Amino acid sequence: MARIHTLTLLLFAASASLASALSNEYSQRDLNEERVVASNWQQHAPEYEALVYQSFNMARDNLANALNQLPDGKKAAIVTDIDDTLINGAIYFSSLVGTDSARTTDASIAWWKDKGMEALPGATDFLNEIDNQGIEIFYITGRFNEVKEDTMANLKRLGFPIKGPEFLLFQKRDNETLTKEGQRQKIRDQGYHILMLLGDQLDDLGEVEGRHYTQRQQWVQQYRNRFGNDWISFPNLIYGSWESAVADNFNQLTPQQKHDANLDALNQSHFSQIQNPTYAQHSTNAMLWMYASADYHALTQQAYNHSTRILDKLNQNTMENPAIVIDINGTVLQYTPKKPDLTQPAPGSEQNEHTWYLEQQKNAKPIPGAPEFLAAAKEKGFDIFYVSERPMSSGLQGNRKDIEELTVKKLRALGYPDADETHIVLKGEYCSTVELKNCTKTFQRRAITSGQVDRKKHQIALFIGDMLSDFDLEENGFDPNLKVSVAANKDLFGRQYVVIPNPINTRRLIAIYNENAGKHIRDLSSEEQANVRRKILRNWPEKPF
């Protein structure tokens, strides 16, 4: 690992500030650069908004059952976090990029008082529905008491139902207060039964045991059945308690020590093989969240738990050969890009980008929650079709179906049902030579429903994937690259469409960067690409740093 550290630090030094380069010490400015890709995805990817709608839809769909279990004599309540659960608080953190500043108390207070706050998609609608049903809503936050009035005014301006200051539980500036679990107990002590908890941090949902990310992942595994049930999680890969879970006393470390700890946590990923030093630096937070946070596990468990409940509600007798269509890379298997960089060839495979990809896929792990869900779905009588844009062959001589064979072998080894050549539907199998260049998943889905795949016409009960192109939006006249397509179909997420978070999906990132660059980023230099990524960061105009 020392060799990887040395190589990575030398590469990063080329893009660091002059002072950092001269001292060879990683600075706070350098550390701030590590959240660029995470911010790009959370602020621009339509999949992020789809995940937010999905979380609120899950909460809606679980409400009736929760109310049926309300104990006699208890009052119903829902408890929610505020920042990046109801309103967009991540702009504060993306605004730190390009500065020498870390998060401070004074800057946080100024941000919390800012009147330019925005509600997250679907948040006001959901809470007003809850309020109209006579269910009390409590807001628990890490914000300080001195900004309670400003926060109340901002929430009311955005349309959130606020009955009074007693329903907002804040903390003292000196942090000498109850934990969030302590605040939740105060609500219970008033005679309330908490139906659901909503939040973007694990601490918003329960009292997390352990500080290291591996311990936190074990905690998620222990309580996995609660995610998507009475615990509703929201994605936040720009900041959070997961950042400090990579090392002991993380918040007391220097920027250099924090950077080293981040690299250590990523030693089981493809991070060290990214050749572009600035892209590696910019990708750090996004990859940490995917590979070394319990929060990612919570969201995938949530998605698959809820998918099970969706199937339980379906009447299969009214469906013709019911099937589930599910993506592979990043949905059932740990995500592996075709190449570690956005535009450069994979190391040692300049003539064939699939060589590197094949090697990486051999070690891919299952996505948390996926094996159990698919096994249960198969037992219920659903056919499983794995639809992927990976080709059948790498194109290497004598390997006509090597990618298909590896995929079958890998899924079988992990115990996935229907892992055979029929049910694994790869790119090009159902496209003519003329269509091959623009062969999207539409053709594969059409082959499944028309009977081309197994001579049975299937009705698709559920689509699961990490990109909007994994759903039948295109067949219904919607562009899977646009946020307006998400808003137009907001009621389908967490119902007919289930989204698995994947902020390092290079296809989505390239699409975002191409759109904002006005050309394909492969035509830009490394420095120009980095500037595109920085340029699209959302900024806090009144930032005091």
Protein backbone atom coordinates (compact mmCIF):
# COMPACT_ATOMS: atom_id res chain seq x y z
CA MET A 1 0.00 0.00 0.00
CA ALA A 2 2.95 2.34 0.64
CA ARG A 3 3.89 2.16 -3.05
CA ILE A 4 0.34 3.15 -4.07
CA HIS A 5 0.36 6.02 -1.56
CA THR A 6 3.64 7.34 -2.92
CA LEU A 7 2.51 7.12 -6.54
CA THR A 8 -0.85 8.73 -5.85
CA LEU A 9 0.59 11.56 -3.79
CA LEU A 10 3.18 12.32 -6.48
CA LEU A 11 0.45 12.44 -9.11
CA PHE A 12 -1.77 14.63 -6.96
CA ALA A 13 1.11 17.02 -6.31
CA ALA A 14 1.06 18.01 -9.98
CA SER A 15 -2.42 19.48 -9.57
CA ALA A 16 -2.04 20.90 -6.06
CA SER A 17 -1.42 24.52 -5.21
CA LEU A 18 2.14 25.88 -5.39
CA ALA A 19 2.48 26.07 -1.63
CA SER A 20 1.37 22.47 -1.22
CA ALA A 21 3.70 21.29 -3.94
CA LEU A 22 6.68 23.05 -2.40
CA SER A 23 6.02 21.63 1.05
CA ASN A 24 4.80 18.28 -0.32
CA GLU A 25 2.02 18.52 2.25
CA TYR A 26 -1.61 17.97 1.32
CA SER A 27 -3.58 21.13 2.16
CA GLN A 28 -7.19 21.85 3.09
CA ARG A 29 -7.65 23.26 -0.42
CA ASP A 30 -6.48 19.91 -1.82
CA LEU A 31 -8.83 18.05 0.51
CA ASN A 32 -11.78 20.18 -0.62
CA GLU A 33 -11.10 19.09 -4.21
CA GLU A 34 -11.93 15.51 -3.22
CA ARG A 35 -15.68 16.21 -3.16
CA VAL A 36 -15.93 17.57 -6.74
CA VAL A 37 -17.34 14.46 -8.49
CA ALA A 38 -19.64 13.71 -5.55
CA SER A 39 -21.02 17.24 -5.84
CA ASN A 40 -21.33 16.99 -9.63
CA TRP A 41 -23.43 13.83 -9.37
CA GLN A 42 -25.61 14.95 -6.47
CA GLN A 43 -26.27 18.33 -8.06
CA HIS A 44 -26.71 17.31 -11.71
CA ALA A 45 -27.54 13.60 -12.11
CA PRO A 46 -31.23 12.85 -12.68
CA GLU A 47 -30.69 9.61 -10.75
CA TYR A 48 -30.13 11.60 -7.55
CA GLU A 49 -33.52 13.28 -7.86
CA ALA A 50 -35.08 9.92 -8.69
CA LEU A 51 -33.62 8.50 -5.46
CA VAL A 52 -35.11 11.36 -3.44
CA TYR A 53 -38.57 10.82 -4.95
CA GLN A 54 -38.11 7.11 -4.35
CA SER A 55 -37.46 7.61 -0.63
CA PHE A 56 -40.56 9.75 -0.18
CA ASN A 57 -42.67 7.26 -2.16
CA MET A 58 -41.43 4.43 0.04
CA ALA A 59 -42.48 6.41 3.11
CA ARG A 60 -45.91 7.06 1.59
CA ASP A 61 -46.46 3.44 0.72
CA ASN A 62 -45.46 2.26 4.19
CA LEU A 63 -47.63 4.74 6.08
CA ALA A 64 -50.89 2.78 6.13
CA ASN A 65 -49.20 -0.28 7.60
CA ALA A 66 -47.40 1.88 10.16
CA LEU A 67 -50.67 3.46 11.26
CA ASN A 68 -52.29 0.03 11.61
CA GLN A 69 -49.57 -0.85 14.12
CA LEU A 70 -50.05 2.31 16.21
CA PRO A 71 -50.30 1.21 19.86
CA ASP A 72 -53.50 2.10 21.71
CA GLY A 73 -53.29 5.37 23.57
CA LYS A 74 -50.31 6.62 21.57
CA LYS A 75 -50.19 9.65 19.28
CA ALA A 76 -48.72 9.19 15.79
CA ALA A 77 -45.58 11.11 14.82
CA ILE A 78 -43.03 11.22 12.05
CA VAL A 79 -39.50 12.46 12.79
CA THR A 80 -37.34 13.97 10.07
CA ASP A 81 -33.95 15.51 9.66
CA ILE A 82 -33.73 18.84 7.79
CA ASP A 83 -30.50 19.33 5.81
CA ASP A 84 -30.29 17.13 2.68
CA THR A 85 -33.40 15.29 3.75
CA LEU A 86 -35.84 18.16 3.20
CA ILE A 87 -33.69 21.01 1.92
CA ASN A 88 -30.54 21.25 -0.15
CA GLY A 89 -27.71 21.85 2.31
CA ALA A 90 -24.89 20.42 0.20
CA ILE A 91 -24.26 23.69 -1.66
CA TYR A 92 -22.40 24.93 1.41
CA PHE A 93 -19.91 22.07 1.05
CA SER A 94 -19.45 22.31 -2.72
CA SER A 95 -18.74 26.02 -2.19
CA LEU A 96 -15.64 25.07 -0.17
CA VAL A 97 -13.96 23.79 -3.36
CA GLY A 98 -11.34 26.26 -4.53
CA THR A 99 -10.90 27.73 -1.05
CA ASP A 100 -8.53 27.07 1.85
CA SER A 101 -11.45 26.82 4.28
CA ALA A 102 -12.88 23.90 6.19
CA ARG A 103 -16.33 23.85 7.71
CA THR A 104 -16.57 26.29 10.64
CA THR A 105 -19.22 27.12 13.21
CA ASP A 106 -19.56 30.74 12.07
CA ALA A 107 -19.87 29.79 8.39
CA SER A 108 -22.41 27.09 9.24
CA ILE A 109 -24.53 29.58 11.17
CA ALA A 110 -24.41 32.03 8.26
CA TRP A 111 -25.48 29.21 5.89
CA TRP A 112 -28.35 28.12 8.13
CA LYS A 113 -29.65 31.70 8.17
CA ASP A 114 -29.46 32.06 4.39
CA LYS A 115 -32.82 32.77 2.76
CA GLY A 116 -31.87 31.10 -0.52
CA MET A 117 -32.53 27.56 0.72
CA GLU A 118 -34.24 25.15 -1.68
CA ALA A 119 -36.55 22.25 -0.89
CA LEU A 120 -35.56 18.83 -2.20
CA PRO A 121 -37.88 17.27 -4.82
CA GLY A 122 -41.08 15.91 -3.28
CA ALA A 123 -40.27 16.99 0.29
CA THR A 124 -42.98 19.63 0.83
CA ASP A 125 -45.67 17.52 -0.83
CA PHE A 126 -44.90 14.55 1.37
CA LEU A 127 -44.87 16.40 4.68
CA ASN A 128 -48.04 18.32 3.87
CA GLU A 129 -49.76 15.00 3.13
CA ILE A 130 -48.60 13.77 6.53
CA ASP A 131 -49.82 16.96 8.22
CA ASN A 132 -53.22 16.71 6.51
CA GLN A 133 -53.67 13.25 8.04
CA GLY A 134 -53.25 14.66 11.53
CA ILE A 135 -49.86 13.07 12.12
CA GLU A 136 -47.45 15.25 14.10
CA ILE A 137 -44.14 16.11 12.44
CA PHE A 138 -41.00 16.67 14.51
CA TYR A 139 -37.84 18.12 12.99
CA ILE A 140 -34.60 17.00 14.66
CA THR A 141 -31.42 18.66 13.44
CA GLY A 142 -27.80 19.27 14.30
CA ARG A 143 -28.37 22.99 13.78
CA PHE A 144 -27.90 25.29 16.75
CA ASN A 145 -30.75 26.82 18.78
CA GLU A 146 -29.68 30.32 17.79
CA VAL A 147 -30.83 29.71 14.20
CA LYS A 148 -34.17 28.12 15.10
CA GLU A 149 -36.25 31.17 14.21
CA ASP A 150 -34.42 31.63 10.90
CA THR A 151 -34.85 27.93 10.12
CA MET A 152 -38.56 28.05 10.96
CA ALA A 153 -39.02 31.05 8.70
CA ASN A 154 -37.14 29.35 5.84
CA LEU A 155 -39.09 26.11 6.18
CA LYS A 156 -42.41 27.96 6.22
CA ARG A 157 -41.38 30.02 3.20
CA LEU A 158 -40.69 26.78 1.32
CA GLY A 159 -44.12 25.42 2.24
CA PHE A 160 -43.27 22.98 5.02
CA PRO A 161 -45.90 22.54 7.79
CA ILE A 162 -44.56 23.94 11.08
CA LYS A 163 -46.91 24.06 14.06
CA GLY A 164 -44.54 25.76 16.46
CA PRO A 165 -40.99 25.91 17.81
CA GLU A 166 -41.64 22.97 20.15
CA PHE A 167 -41.72 20.71 17.09
CA LEU A 168 -38.18 21.69 16.11
CA LEU A 169 -35.48 20.09 18.24
CA PHE A 170 -32.11 21.80 17.82
CA GLN A 171 -28.87 21.69 19.82
CA LYS A 172 -26.71 24.10 21.77
CA ARG A 173 -23.66 25.56 20.08
CA ASP A 174 -21.37 23.88 22.62
CA ASN A 175 -22.93 20.49 21.73
CA GLU A 176 -23.79 19.84 25.40
CA THR A 177 -27.14 18.35 24.52
CA LEU A 178 -28.87 15.05 23.95
CA THR A 179 -27.92 12.87 21.01
CA LYS A 180 -30.50 12.54 18.25
CA GLU A 181 -31.61 9.32 19.92
CA GLY A 182 -32.02 11.29 23.13
CA GLN A 183 -34.15 13.82 21.26
CA ARG A 184 -36.26 11.02 19.83
CA GLN A 185 -36.78 9.64 23.33
CA LYS A 186 -38.04 13.05 24.47
CA ILE A 187 -40.72 12.79 21.78
CA ARG A 188 -41.69 9.29 22.92
CA ASP A 189 -41.86 10.52 26.52
CA GLN A 190 -44.61 12.93 25.41
CA GLY A 191 -46.83 10.00 24.45
CA TYR A 192 -45.93 9.78 20.78
CA HIS A 193 -45.23 6.65 18.78
CA ILE A 194 -42.72 7.35 16.01
CA LEU A 195 -44.08 5.79 12.83
CA MET A 196 -41.07 6.62 10.68
CA LEU A 197 -37.68 8.30 10.77
CA LEU A 198 -36.30 10.16 7.74
CA GLY A 199 -32.70 11.27 7.26
CA ASP A 200 -29.55 11.39 5.14
CA GLN A 201 -27.30 10.22 7.99
CA LEU A 202 -27.47 6.93 9.87
CA ASP A 203 -27.63 8.86 13.16
CA ASP A 204 -30.94 10.32 11.95
CA LEU A 205 -32.40 6.81 12.06
CA GLY A 206 -30.87 5.02 15.01
CA GLU A 207 -28.07 5.00 17.56
CA VAL A 208 -25.19 3.70 15.46
CA GLU A 209 -22.81 1.29 17.14
CA GLY A 210 -19.14 1.65 16.31
CA ARG A 211 -17.18 4.47 14.73
CA HIS A 212 -15.18 2.72 12.00
CA TYR A 213 -16.95 2.23 8.69
CA THR A 214 -16.63 -1.55 8.93
CA GLN A 215 -18.43 -1.50 12.28
CA ARG A 216 -21.09 0.80 10.88
CA GLN A 217 -21.60 -1.55 7.93
CA GLN A 218 -22.11 -4.39 10.40
CA TRP A 219 -24.69 -2.24 12.22
CA VAL A 220 -26.56 -1.68 8.94
CA GLN A 221 -26.48 -5.42 8.29
CA GLN A 222 -27.84 -6.09 11.79
CA TYR A 223 -30.76 -3.70 11.30
CA ARG A 224 -31.12 -4.17 7.53
CA ASN A 225 -34.84 -5.02 7.69
CA ARG A 226 -35.68 -1.58 9.04
CA PHE A 227 -34.33 0.31 6.04
CA GLY A 228 -37.17 1.16 3.68
CA ASN A 229 -39.63 0.19 6.40
CA ASP A 230 -39.68 2.58 9.38
CA TRP A 231 -36.23 3.98 8.54
CA ILE A 232 -36.15 6.00 5.32
CA SER A 233 -32.66 6.91 4.13
CA PHE A 234 -31.66 9.62 1.65
CA PRO A 235 -28.41 9.77 -0.37
CA ASN A 236 -25.73 12.29 0.63
CA LEU A 237 -22.23 11.63 -0.66
CA ILE A 238 -20.95 15.21 -0.38
CA TYR A 239 -20.59 15.23 3.41
CA GLY A 240 -21.61 13.32 6.51
CA SER A 241 -20.54 11.28 9.50
CA TRP A 242 -19.40 8.55 7.06
CA GLU A 243 -16.42 10.79 6.17
CA SER A 244 -14.92 10.53 9.64
CA ALA A 245 -15.53 6.77 9.86
CA VAL A 246 -12.43 5.91 7.80
CA ALA A 247 -10.02 6.43 10.72
CA ASP A 248 -9.93 6.99 14.47
CA ASN A 249 -10.06 10.64 15.54
CA PHE A 250 -10.46 11.62 11.88
CA ASN A 251 -11.63 15.16 12.61
CA GLN A 252 -8.46 15.89 14.56
CA LEU A 253 -6.16 14.80 11.72
CA THR A 254 -4.27 17.11 9.38
CA PRO A 255 -5.40 17.34 5.73
CA GLN A 256 -2.44 15.12 4.81
CA GLN A 257 -3.41 12.50 7.39
CA LYS A 258 -7.06 12.61 6.30
CA HIS A 259 -6.01 12.12 2.69
CA ASP A 260 -3.83 9.13 3.63
CA ALA A 261 -6.73 7.63 5.60
CA ASN A 262 -9.02 8.07 2.59
CA LEU A 263 -6.55 6.24 0.36
CA ASP A 264 -6.25 3.40 2.86
CA ALA A 265 -10.04 3.00 2.87
CA LEU A 266 -10.05 2.76 -0.93
CA ASN A 267 -7.42 0.04 -1.22
CA GLN A 268 -9.99 -2.56 -2.34
CA SER A 269 -11.36 -0.38 -5.16
CA HIS A 270 -10.04 0.52 -8.61
CA PHE A 271 -9.08 3.99 -7.31
CA SER A 272 -5.32 3.37 -7.46
CA GLN A 273 -5.58 2.52 -11.17
CA ILE A 274 -7.01 5.91 -12.18
CA GLN A 275 -4.23 7.50 -14.24
CA ASN A 276 -5.52 11.08 -14.37
CA PRO A 277 -4.36 12.56 -11.03
CA THR A 278 -6.92 15.35 -10.91
CA TYR A 279 -9.81 13.05 -11.77
CA ALA A 280 -8.62 10.66 -9.05
CA GLN A 281 -8.54 13.50 -6.56
CA HIS A 282 -11.97 14.77 -7.62
CA SER A 283 -13.46 11.25 -7.35
CA THR A 284 -12.27 10.50 -3.81
CA ASN A 285 -15.44 11.32 -1.85
CA ALA A 286 -17.76 9.65 -4.35
CA MET A 287 -15.70 6.47 -4.27
CA LEU A 288 -15.35 6.54 -0.48
CA TRP A 289 -19.12 6.74 -0.14
CA MET A 290 -19.54 3.77 -2.49
CA TYR A 291 -16.76 1.54 -1.14
CA ALA A 292 -16.22 2.62 2.46
CA SER A 293 -19.47 3.91 3.91
CA ALA A 294 -22.31 2.16 5.68
CA ASP A 295 -24.69 4.73 4.23
CA TYR A 296 -24.39 3.21 0.76
CA HIS A 297 -25.23 -0.21 2.22
CA ALA A 298 -28.26 1.31 3.94
CA LEU A 299 -29.61 2.68 0.67
CA THR A 300 -29.15 -0.55 -1.29
CA GLN A 301 -30.72 -2.59 1.51
CA GLN A 302 -33.57 -0.10 1.56
CA ALA A 303 -34.11 -0.41 -2.18
CA TYR A 304 -34.19 -4.21 -2.14
CA ASN A 305 -36.30 -4.42 1.02
CA HIS A 306 -38.91 -2.22 -0.58
CA SER A 307 -38.71 -4.16 -3.84
CA THR A 308 -39.76 -7.26 -1.89
CA ARG A 309 -42.80 -5.41 -0.55
CA ILE A 310 -43.68 -4.25 -4.08
CA LEU A 311 -43.78 -7.87 -5.26
CA ASP A 312 -45.84 -8.90 -2.22
CA LYS A 313 -48.56 -6.47 -3.28
CA LEU A 314 -48.71 -7.63 -6.90
CA ASN A 315 -51.36 -10.03 -8.10
CA GLN A 316 -49.37 -12.40 -10.29
CA ASN A 317 -52.52 -14.11 -11.50
CA THR A 318 -53.35 -11.05 -13.55
CA MET A 319 -49.89 -10.89 -15.14
CA GLU A 320 -48.63 -12.77 -18.18
CA ASN A 321 -45.32 -14.46 -17.36
CA PRO A 322 -44.29 -11.82 -14.78
CA ALA A 323 -40.65 -10.83 -14.89
CA ILE A 324 -38.13 -8.57 -13.23
CA VAL A 325 -35.67 -6.74 -15.44
CA ILE A 326 -32.52 -5.79 -13.59
CA ASP A 327 -29.23 -4.18 -14.55
CA ILE A 328 -25.96 -5.94 -13.68
CA ASN A 329 -23.03 -3.55 -13.23
CA GLY A 330 -23.65 -1.41 -10.14
CA THR A 331 -27.03 -3.03 -9.47
CA VAL A 332 -26.33 -6.68 -8.66
CA LEU A 333 -22.53 -6.57 -8.92
CA GLN A 334 -20.14 -4.01 -7.48
CA TYR A 335 -19.68 -1.33 -10.11
CA THR A 336 -16.71 -1.56 -12.46
CA PRO A 337 -16.26 1.03 -15.22
CA LYS A 338 -14.99 -0.10 -18.61
CA LYS A 339 -11.89 1.93 -17.82
CA PRO A 340 -10.89 3.64 -14.58
CA ASP A 341 -10.51 7.07 -16.21
CA LEU A 342 -13.26 8.90 -18.07
CA THR A 343 -11.33 9.17 -21.35
CA GLN A 344 -7.95 7.43 -21.06
CA PRO A 345 -7.49 3.72 -21.93
CA ALA A 346 -7.37 1.25 -19.07
CA PRO A 347 -3.83 0.36 -17.97
CA GLY A 348 -2.27 -2.30 -20.17
CA SER A 349 -5.29 -2.55 -22.46
CA GLU A 350 -4.93 0.24 -24.98
CA GLN A 351 -6.01 -2.11 -27.79
CA ASN A 352 -9.04 -3.46 -25.96
CA GLU A 353 -10.78 -1.66 -23.10
CA HIS A 354 -12.68 -4.82 -22.11
CA THR A 355 -9.51 -6.63 -20.94
CA TRP A 356 -9.18 -4.51 -17.80
CA TYR A 357 -12.92 -4.66 -17.22
CA LEU A 358 -12.97 -8.47 -17.41
CA GLU A 359 -10.21 -8.77 -14.82
CA GLN A 360 -11.95 -6.37 -12.44
CA GLN A 361 -15.31 -8.14 -12.74
CA LYS A 362 -13.79 -11.42 -11.59
CA ASN A 363 -13.46 -9.91 -8.10
CA ALA A 364 -16.72 -7.95 -8.06
CA LYS A 365 -18.81 -8.37 -4.91
CA PRO A 366 -22.61 -8.56 -4.77
CA ILE A 367 -24.55 -5.38 -4.02
CA PRO A 368 -25.89 -5.53 -0.43
CA GLY A 369 -29.46 -6.82 -0.44
CA ALA A 370 -29.53 -7.97 -4.06
CA PRO A 371 -28.94 -11.74 -3.61
CA GLU A 372 -31.63 -12.09 -0.95
CA PHE A 373 -34.20 -10.10 -2.94
CA LEU A 374 -33.67 -11.98 -6.20
CA ALA A 375 -33.81 -15.36 -4.46
CA ALA A 376 -37.11 -14.36 -2.85
CA ALA A 377 -38.45 -13.05 -6.17
CA LYS A 378 -37.62 -16.34 -7.88
CA GLU A 379 -39.41 -18.27 -5.15
CA LYS A 380 -42.49 -16.12 -5.79
CA GLY A 381 -42.45 -17.23 -9.41
CA PHE A 382 -40.90 -14.24 -11.17
CA ASP A 383 -38.49 -14.73 -14.05
CA ILE A 384 -35.29 -12.69 -13.64
CA PHE A 385 -33.69 -11.09 -16.68
CA TYR A 386 -30.29 -9.46 -16.29
CA VAL A 387 -30.06 -6.73 -18.92
CA SER A 388 -26.70 -5.09 -19.56
CA GLU A 389 -25.02 -2.85 -22.10
CA ARG A 390 -21.88 -4.97 -21.87
CA PRO A 391 -21.25 -6.82 -25.16
CA MET A 392 -21.15 -10.61 -25.46
CA SER A 393 -17.49 -10.57 -26.53
CA SER A 394 -14.39 -8.57 -25.73
CA GLY A 395 -13.40 -8.83 -29.38
CA LEU A 396 -10.19 -10.63 -28.53
CA GLN A 397 -9.28 -13.40 -30.96
CA GLY A 398 -10.87 -16.72 -30.08
CA ASN A 399 -13.21 -15.18 -27.50
CA ARG A 400 -16.59 -14.95 -29.21
CA LYS A 401 -18.59 -15.01 -25.96
CA ASP A 402 -16.02 -14.42 -23.23
CA ILE A 403 -17.91 -11.58 -21.53
CA GLU A 404 -21.15 -13.55 -21.54
CA GLU A 405 -19.39 -16.62 -20.16
CA LEU A 406 -17.71 -14.61 -17.39
CA THR A 407 -21.00 -12.96 -16.47
CA VAL A 408 -22.83 -16.29 -16.25
CA LYS A 409 -20.02 -17.78 -14.17
CA LYS A 410 -19.85 -14.81 -11.82
CA LEU A 411 -23.60 -14.56 -11.17
CA ARG A 412 -23.85 -18.31 -10.63
CA ALA A 413 -20.93 -18.28 -8.19
CA LEU A 414 -22.74 -15.63 -6.13
CA GLY A 415 -25.94 -17.67 -6.11
CA TYR A 416 -28.06 -15.41 -8.28
CA PRO A 417 -31.13 -17.18 -9.77
CA ASP A 418 -31.68 -17.53 -13.54
CA ALA A 419 -27.97 -16.95 -14.16
CA ASP A 420 -27.85 -18.54 -17.61
CA GLU A 421 -27.33 -17.56 -21.24
CA THR A 422 -31.06 -17.08 -21.79
CA HIS A 423 -31.74 -14.77 -18.86
CA ILE A 424 -28.55 -12.71 -19.19
CA VAL A 425 -29.39 -10.37 -22.06
CA LEU A 426 -26.33 -8.51 -23.33
CA LYS A 427 -25.89 -5.71 -25.84
CA GLY A 428 -26.24 -6.56 -29.48
CA GLU A 429 -28.08 -9.85 -29.09
CA TYR A 430 -31.34 -8.41 -30.38
CA CYS A 431 -30.14 -5.55 -32.58
CA SER A 432 -29.52 -5.70 -36.31
CA THR A 433 -26.16 -4.64 -37.74
CA VAL A 434 -27.75 -1.35 -38.77
CA GLU A 435 -29.05 -0.71 -35.22
CA LEU A 436 -25.93 -1.87 -33.37
CA LYS A 437 -24.36 1.59 -33.00
CA ASN A 438 -27.48 2.91 -31.26
CA CYS A 439 -28.49 -0.34 -29.59
CA THR A 440 -29.95 0.81 -26.27
CA LYS A 441 -31.59 -1.34 -23.61
CA THR A 442 -34.93 -0.61 -25.29
CA PHE A 443 -34.18 -3.38 -27.78
CA GLN A 444 -33.38 -5.87 -25.02
CA ARG A 445 -36.52 -5.05 -23.06
CA ARG A 446 -38.59 -5.31 -26.24
CA ALA A 447 -37.10 -8.76 -26.89
CA ILE A 448 -38.19 -9.88 -23.42
CA THR A 449 -41.77 -8.62 -23.74
CA SER A 450 -42.21 -9.84 -27.33
CA GLY A 451 -41.06 -13.41 -26.68
CA GLN A 452 -37.80 -13.24 -28.63
CA VAL A 453 -35.69 -14.22 -25.64
CA ASP A 454 -37.34 -17.42 -24.43
CA ARG A 455 -40.44 -17.76 -26.63
CA LYS A 456 -42.64 -16.38 -23.85
CA LYS A 457 -44.10 -12.89 -23.81
CA HIS A 458 -43.29 -11.42 -20.44
CA GLN A 459 -44.98 -8.65 -18.52
CA ILE A 460 -42.34 -6.67 -16.64
CA ALA A 461 -43.40 -6.17 -13.04
CA LEU A 462 -40.37 -4.25 -11.86
CA PHE A 463 -37.32 -2.50 -13.30
CA ILE A 464 -34.21 -2.14 -11.14
CA GLY A 465 -31.07 -0.24 -12.12
CA ASP A 466 -28.53 2.47 -11.36
CA MET A 467 -29.34 4.68 -14.38
CA LEU A 468 -32.59 5.99 -15.84
CA SER A 469 -31.79 4.10 -19.05
CA ASP A 470 -32.46 0.90 -17.08
CA PHE A 471 -36.17 1.78 -17.03
CA ASP A 472 -38.67 1.92 -19.91
CA LEU A 473 -38.75 5.72 -19.99
CA GLU A 474 -37.50 5.81 -23.57
CA GLU A 475 -40.29 3.52 -24.76
CA ASN A 476 -42.77 5.94 -23.17
CA GLY A 477 -41.33 9.00 -24.90
CA PHE A 478 -39.01 10.33 -22.17
CA ASP A 479 -35.31 11.12 -22.43
CA PRO A 480 -33.48 9.14 -19.70
CA ASN A 481 -30.79 11.83 -19.50
CA LEU A 482 -33.05 14.65 -18.33
CA LYS A 483 -34.30 15.67 -14.89
CA VAL A 484 -37.66 16.66 -16.40
CA SER A 485 -38.18 12.97 -17.18
CA VAL A 486 -37.77 12.22 -13.47
CA ALA A 487 -40.29 14.88 -12.44
CA ALA A 488 -42.79 13.66 -15.04
CA ASN A 489 -42.56 10.10 -13.68
CA LYS A 490 -41.99 10.90 -10.00
CA ASP A 491 -44.78 8.58 -8.83
CA LEU A 492 -43.10 5.53 -10.41
CA PHE A 493 -39.84 5.65 -8.46
CA GLY A 494 -39.91 3.15 -5.60
CA ARG A 495 -42.94 1.53 -7.23
CA GLN A 496 -42.35 0.39 -10.80
CA TYR A 497 -38.79 1.71 -11.00
CA VAL A 498 -36.26 1.03 -8.24
CA VAL A 499 -33.04 3.04 -8.34
CA ILE A 500 -29.73 1.80 -6.90
CA PRO A 501 -27.32 4.69 -6.15
CA ASN A 502 -24.13 4.82 -8.24
CA PRO A 503 -22.35 8.20 -8.22
CA ILE A 504 -19.27 6.85 -10.00
CA ASN A 505 -21.10 5.57 -13.07
CA THR A 506 -18.83 6.95 -15.78
CA ARG A 507 -21.57 6.96 -18.43
CA ARG A 508 -23.63 9.38 -16.37
CA LEU A 509 -20.64 11.54 -15.46
CA ILE A 510 -19.49 11.78 -19.09
CA ALA A 511 -23.02 12.78 -20.14
CA ILE A 512 -23.07 15.54 -17.51
CA TYR A 513 -19.65 16.85 -18.52
CA ASN A 514 -20.33 16.66 -22.26
CA GLU A 515 -23.50 18.69 -21.86
CA ASN A 516 -21.77 21.41 -19.87
CA ALA A 517 -18.60 21.46 -22.00
CA GLY A 518 -20.53 21.72 -25.27
CA LYS A 519 -18.36 18.95 -26.72
CA HIS A 520 -17.16 15.50 -25.81
CA ILE A 521 -14.68 15.69 -22.94
CA ARG A 522 -12.32 13.31 -24.74
CA ASP A 523 -11.51 16.33 -26.92
CA LEU A 524 -10.41 18.32 -23.87
CA SER A 525 -7.11 18.27 -22.04
CA SER A 526 -6.94 16.95 -18.49
CA GLU A 527 -6.85 20.50 -17.15
CA GLU A 528 -9.84 21.53 -19.28
CA GLN A 529 -11.80 18.52 -18.05
CA ALA A 530 -11.02 19.43 -14.45
CA ASN A 531 -12.20 22.99 -15.07
CA VAL A 532 -15.51 21.68 -16.46
CA ARG A 533 -16.03 19.66 -13.28
CA ARG A 534 -15.29 22.67 -11.09
CA LYS A 535 -17.34 25.08 -13.19
CA ILE A 536 -20.61 23.19 -12.73
CA LEU A 537 -20.34 23.09 -8.93
CA ARG A 538 -23.20 24.96 -7.31
CA ASN A 539 -21.89 27.91 -5.35
CA TRP A 540 -23.11 29.85 -2.32
CA PRO A 541 -22.89 33.48 -3.52
CA GLU A 542 -22.73 34.95 0.01
CA LYS A 543 -20.14 32.52 1.33
CA PRO A 544 -17.97 34.15 4.02
CA PHE A 545 -14.81 32.25 3.09
